[in-house]
C-alpha cells in the first residue's frame, strides 16, 4: 500500500462523513452537536466534531475529489 492509496482512503472516508444527514442519521443515534455538551472531550464528542468538520469543508472536498479524478484519468 502506497502513500497515494492512503491519501485516497482518507479522501473517501472524509466524503463518507460529509454526506451524513444530521436529521436522519446523527440525531436518532445521539450524535447531534447539541447532545454533546460538557467539559470533558469524550471519544463520542470528538467523533461528532470530526463529522461536523467534514461537513463544513464540503467545498474543499469537492475540489480534492476533482483533482483526484483528473489525476486518476491521467495516470491510469
N, C-alpha and C. Protein backbone atom coordinates (compact mmCIF):
# COMPACT_ATOMS: atom_id res chain seq x y z
N UNK A 1 0.85 -1.18 0.00
CA UNK A 1 0.00 0.00 0.00
C UNK A 1 0.89 1.23 0.00
N UNK A 2 0.68 2.07 -0.95
CA UNK A 2 1.49 3.26 -1.09
C UNK A 2 0.86 4.47 -0.42
N UNK A 3 1.61 5.54 -0.46
CA UNK A 3 1.14 6.79 0.13
C UNK A 3 -0.09 7.32 -0.60
N UNK A 4 -0.08 7.17 -1.93
CA UNK A 4 -1.21 7.67 -2.72
C UNK A 4 -2.50 6.93 -2.36
N UNK A 5 -2.41 5.64 -2.12
CA UNK A 5 -3.57 4.85 -1.74
C UNK A 5 -4.09 5.27 -0.37
N UNK A 6 -3.19 5.61 0.53
CA UNK A 6 -3.57 6.09 1.84
C UNK A 6 -4.31 7.43 1.74
N UNK A 7 -3.83 8.32 0.89
CA UNK A 7 -4.50 9.60 0.67
C UNK A 7 -5.90 9.38 0.09
N UNK A 8 -6.02 8.46 -0.85
CA UNK A 8 -7.33 8.15 -1.43
C UNK A 8 -8.29 7.62 -0.37
N UNK A 9 -7.79 6.79 0.51
CA UNK A 9 -8.63 6.24 1.58
C UNK A 9 -9.13 7.33 2.51
N UNK A 10 -8.26 8.26 2.89
CA UNK A 10 -8.68 9.37 3.75
C UNK A 10 -9.70 10.25 3.04
N UNK A 11 -9.52 10.46 1.75
CA UNK A 11 -10.47 11.27 1.00
C UNK A 11 -11.84 10.58 0.93
N UNK A 12 -11.85 9.28 0.70
CA UNK A 12 -13.12 8.55 0.68
C UNK A 12 -13.80 8.56 2.04
N UNK A 13 -13.01 8.43 3.11
CA UNK A 13 -13.56 8.47 4.46
C UNK A 13 -14.16 9.84 4.77
N UNK A 14 -13.46 10.90 4.38
CA UNK A 14 -13.99 12.24 4.63
C UNK A 14 -15.23 12.51 3.79
N UNK A 15 -15.31 11.94 2.59
CA UNK A 15 -16.53 12.05 1.78
C UNK A 15 -17.70 11.36 2.47
N UNK A 16 -17.43 10.20 3.06
CA UNK A 16 -18.48 9.47 3.76
C UNK A 16 -18.99 10.26 4.97
N UNK A 17 -18.10 10.93 5.67
CA UNK A 17 -18.52 11.74 6.82
C UNK A 17 -19.28 12.98 6.39
N UNK A 18 -18.90 13.54 5.24
CA UNK A 18 -19.52 14.79 4.79
C UNK A 18 -20.96 14.61 4.34
N UNK A 19 -21.34 13.41 3.93
CA UNK A 19 -22.70 13.23 3.41
C UNK A 19 -23.69 12.74 4.46
N UNK A 20 -23.25 12.56 5.70
CA UNK A 20 -24.16 12.10 6.74
C UNK A 20 -25.19 13.19 7.04
N UNK A 21 -26.45 12.81 7.05
CA UNK A 21 -27.54 13.74 7.33
C UNK A 21 -27.79 13.78 8.84
N UNK A 22 -27.82 14.99 9.38
CA UNK A 22 -27.99 15.12 10.83
C UNK A 22 -29.37 14.66 11.29
N UNK A 23 -30.40 15.04 10.57
CA UNK A 23 -31.76 14.71 11.00
C UNK A 23 -32.07 13.23 10.89
N UNK A 24 -31.59 12.59 9.83
CA UNK A 24 -31.95 11.18 9.62
C UNK A 24 -30.96 10.19 10.22
N UNK A 25 -29.71 10.58 10.39
CA UNK A 25 -28.72 9.61 10.86
C UNK A 25 -28.13 9.96 12.21
N UNK A 26 -27.73 11.19 12.40
CA UNK A 26 -26.98 11.54 13.61
C UNK A 26 -27.86 11.70 14.84
N UNK A 27 -28.94 12.44 14.73
CA UNK A 27 -29.79 12.71 15.89
C UNK A 27 -30.43 11.45 16.48
N UNK A 28 -30.97 10.51 15.69
CA UNK A 28 -31.52 9.30 16.31
C UNK A 28 -30.50 8.45 17.06
N UNK A 29 -29.23 8.59 16.71
CA UNK A 29 -28.19 7.82 17.39
C UNK A 29 -27.50 8.61 18.50
N UNK A 30 -28.01 9.79 18.79
CA UNK A 30 -27.46 10.60 19.86
C UNK A 30 -26.14 11.27 19.51
N UNK A 31 -25.93 11.51 18.22
CA UNK A 31 -24.67 12.11 17.78
C UNK A 31 -24.84 13.54 17.29
N UNK A 32 -25.87 14.23 17.72
CA UNK A 32 -26.05 15.60 17.29
C UNK A 32 -25.10 16.51 18.07
N UNK A 33 -24.85 17.66 17.50
CA UNK A 33 -23.90 18.59 18.11
C UNK A 33 -24.43 19.14 19.43
N UNK A 34 -25.74 19.28 19.55
CA UNK A 34 -26.33 19.80 20.78
C UNK A 34 -26.29 18.78 21.91
N UNK A 35 -26.29 17.51 21.57
CA UNK A 35 -26.30 16.46 22.60
C UNK A 35 -24.93 16.22 23.21
N UNK A 36 -23.90 16.82 22.64
CA UNK A 36 -22.54 16.58 23.13
C UNK A 36 -22.00 17.80 23.84
N UNK A 37 -22.66 18.20 24.91
CA UNK A 37 -22.17 19.32 25.70
C UNK A 37 -21.45 18.79 26.93
N UNK A 38 -20.57 19.57 27.42
CA UNK A 38 -19.82 19.16 28.59
C UNK A 38 -18.38 19.62 28.50
N UNK A 39 -17.69 19.53 29.61
CA UNK A 39 -16.31 19.99 29.66
C UNK A 39 -15.34 18.96 29.11
N UNK A 40 -15.55 17.72 29.49
CA UNK A 40 -14.62 16.67 29.12
C UNK A 40 -14.87 16.22 27.68
N UNK A 41 -13.81 16.15 26.89
CA UNK A 41 -13.92 15.73 25.50
C UNK A 41 -13.84 14.21 25.42
N UNK A 42 -14.99 13.59 25.33
CA UNK A 42 -15.03 12.13 25.21
C UNK A 42 -14.80 11.75 23.75
N UNK A 43 -14.66 10.46 23.52
CA UNK A 43 -14.46 9.96 22.17
C UNK A 43 -15.68 10.25 21.30
N UNK A 44 -16.86 10.18 21.89
CA UNK A 44 -18.09 10.46 21.17
C UNK A 44 -18.13 11.92 20.73
N UNK A 45 -17.75 12.84 21.60
CA UNK A 45 -17.74 14.25 21.26
C UNK A 45 -16.70 14.54 20.17
N UNK A 46 -15.56 13.88 20.23
CA UNK A 46 -14.55 14.08 19.20
C UNK A 46 -15.01 13.54 17.85
N UNK A 47 -15.73 12.43 17.85
CA UNK A 47 -16.27 11.88 16.60
C UNK A 47 -17.31 12.81 16.00
N UNK A 48 -18.17 13.38 16.84
CA UNK A 48 -19.17 14.33 16.36
C UNK A 48 -18.48 15.57 15.80
N UNK A 49 -17.45 16.03 16.47
CA UNK A 49 -16.69 17.17 15.97
C UNK A 49 -16.05 16.88 14.62
N UNK A 50 -15.53 15.67 14.44
CA UNK A 50 -14.94 15.29 13.16
C UNK A 50 -15.99 15.26 12.05
N UNK A 51 -17.17 14.79 12.36
CA UNK A 51 -18.26 14.76 11.38
C UNK A 51 -18.64 16.17 10.97
N UNK A 52 -18.75 17.07 11.93
CA UNK A 52 -19.12 18.45 11.61
C UNK A 52 -18.03 19.19 10.86
N UNK A 53 -16.77 18.88 11.13
CA UNK A 53 -15.68 19.49 10.37
C UNK A 53 -15.72 19.02 8.92
N UNK A 54 -15.97 17.74 8.71
CA UNK A 54 -16.06 17.21 7.35
C UNK A 54 -17.24 17.83 6.61
N UNK A 55 -18.34 18.07 7.30
CA UNK A 55 -19.49 18.70 6.65
C UNK A 55 -19.24 20.18 6.36
N UNK A 56 -18.44 20.82 7.19
CA UNK A 56 -18.14 22.23 7.00
C UNK A 56 -17.22 22.44 5.80
N UNK A 57 -16.31 21.51 5.55
CA UNK A 57 -15.34 21.63 4.47
C UNK A 57 -15.78 20.86 3.22
N UNK A 58 -17.02 21.01 2.84
CA UNK A 58 -17.52 20.31 1.66
C UNK A 58 -16.92 20.85 0.37
N UNK A 59 -16.76 22.16 0.26
CA UNK A 59 -16.20 22.74 -0.96
C UNK A 59 -14.76 22.30 -1.18
N UNK A 60 -13.88 22.33 -0.17
CA UNK A 60 -12.53 21.79 -0.41
C UNK A 60 -12.54 20.29 -0.75
N UNK A 61 -13.50 19.56 -0.19
CA UNK A 61 -13.60 18.13 -0.54
C UNK A 61 -13.99 17.95 -2.00
N UNK A 62 -14.86 18.80 -2.50
CA UNK A 62 -15.24 18.72 -3.91
C UNK A 62 -14.03 19.00 -4.79
N UNK A 63 -13.25 20.00 -4.43
CA UNK A 63 -12.05 20.34 -5.20
C UNK A 63 -11.04 19.20 -5.15
N UNK A 64 -10.83 18.61 -3.97
CA UNK A 64 -9.90 17.49 -3.86
C UNK A 64 -10.39 16.27 -4.65
N UNK A 65 -11.70 16.05 -4.69
CA UNK A 65 -12.24 14.95 -5.49
C UNK A 65 -12.00 15.18 -6.98
N UNK A 66 -12.16 16.40 -7.43
CA UNK A 66 -11.90 16.72 -8.84
C UNK A 66 -10.44 16.50 -9.18
N UNK A 67 -9.55 16.93 -8.29
CA UNK A 67 -8.11 16.71 -8.51
C UNK A 67 -7.79 15.23 -8.55
N UNK A 68 -8.40 14.47 -7.65
CA UNK A 68 -8.16 13.03 -7.60
C UNK A 68 -8.67 12.34 -8.86
N UNK A 69 -9.82 12.73 -9.35
CA UNK A 69 -10.38 12.12 -10.56
C UNK A 69 -9.51 12.45 -11.76
N UNK A 70 -9.07 13.70 -11.88
CA UNK A 70 -8.22 14.08 -13.01
C UNK A 70 -6.89 13.34 -12.96
N UNK A 71 -6.30 13.23 -11.77
CA UNK A 71 -5.03 12.52 -11.67
C UNK A 71 -5.18 11.03 -11.99
N UNK A 72 -6.31 10.44 -11.61
CA UNK A 72 -6.57 9.04 -11.95
C UNK A 72 -6.76 8.87 -13.46
N UNK A 73 -7.42 9.83 -14.10
CA UNK A 73 -7.62 9.74 -15.54
C UNK A 73 -6.30 9.89 -16.29
N UNK A 74 -5.42 10.74 -15.79
CA UNK A 74 -4.14 10.98 -16.46
C UNK A 74 -3.17 9.81 -16.22
N UNK A 75 -3.09 9.34 -14.98
CA UNK A 75 -2.11 8.31 -14.66
C UNK A 75 -2.59 6.88 -14.97
N UNK A 76 -3.87 6.71 -15.02
CA UNK A 76 -4.38 5.38 -15.37
C UNK A 76 -4.86 4.57 -14.26
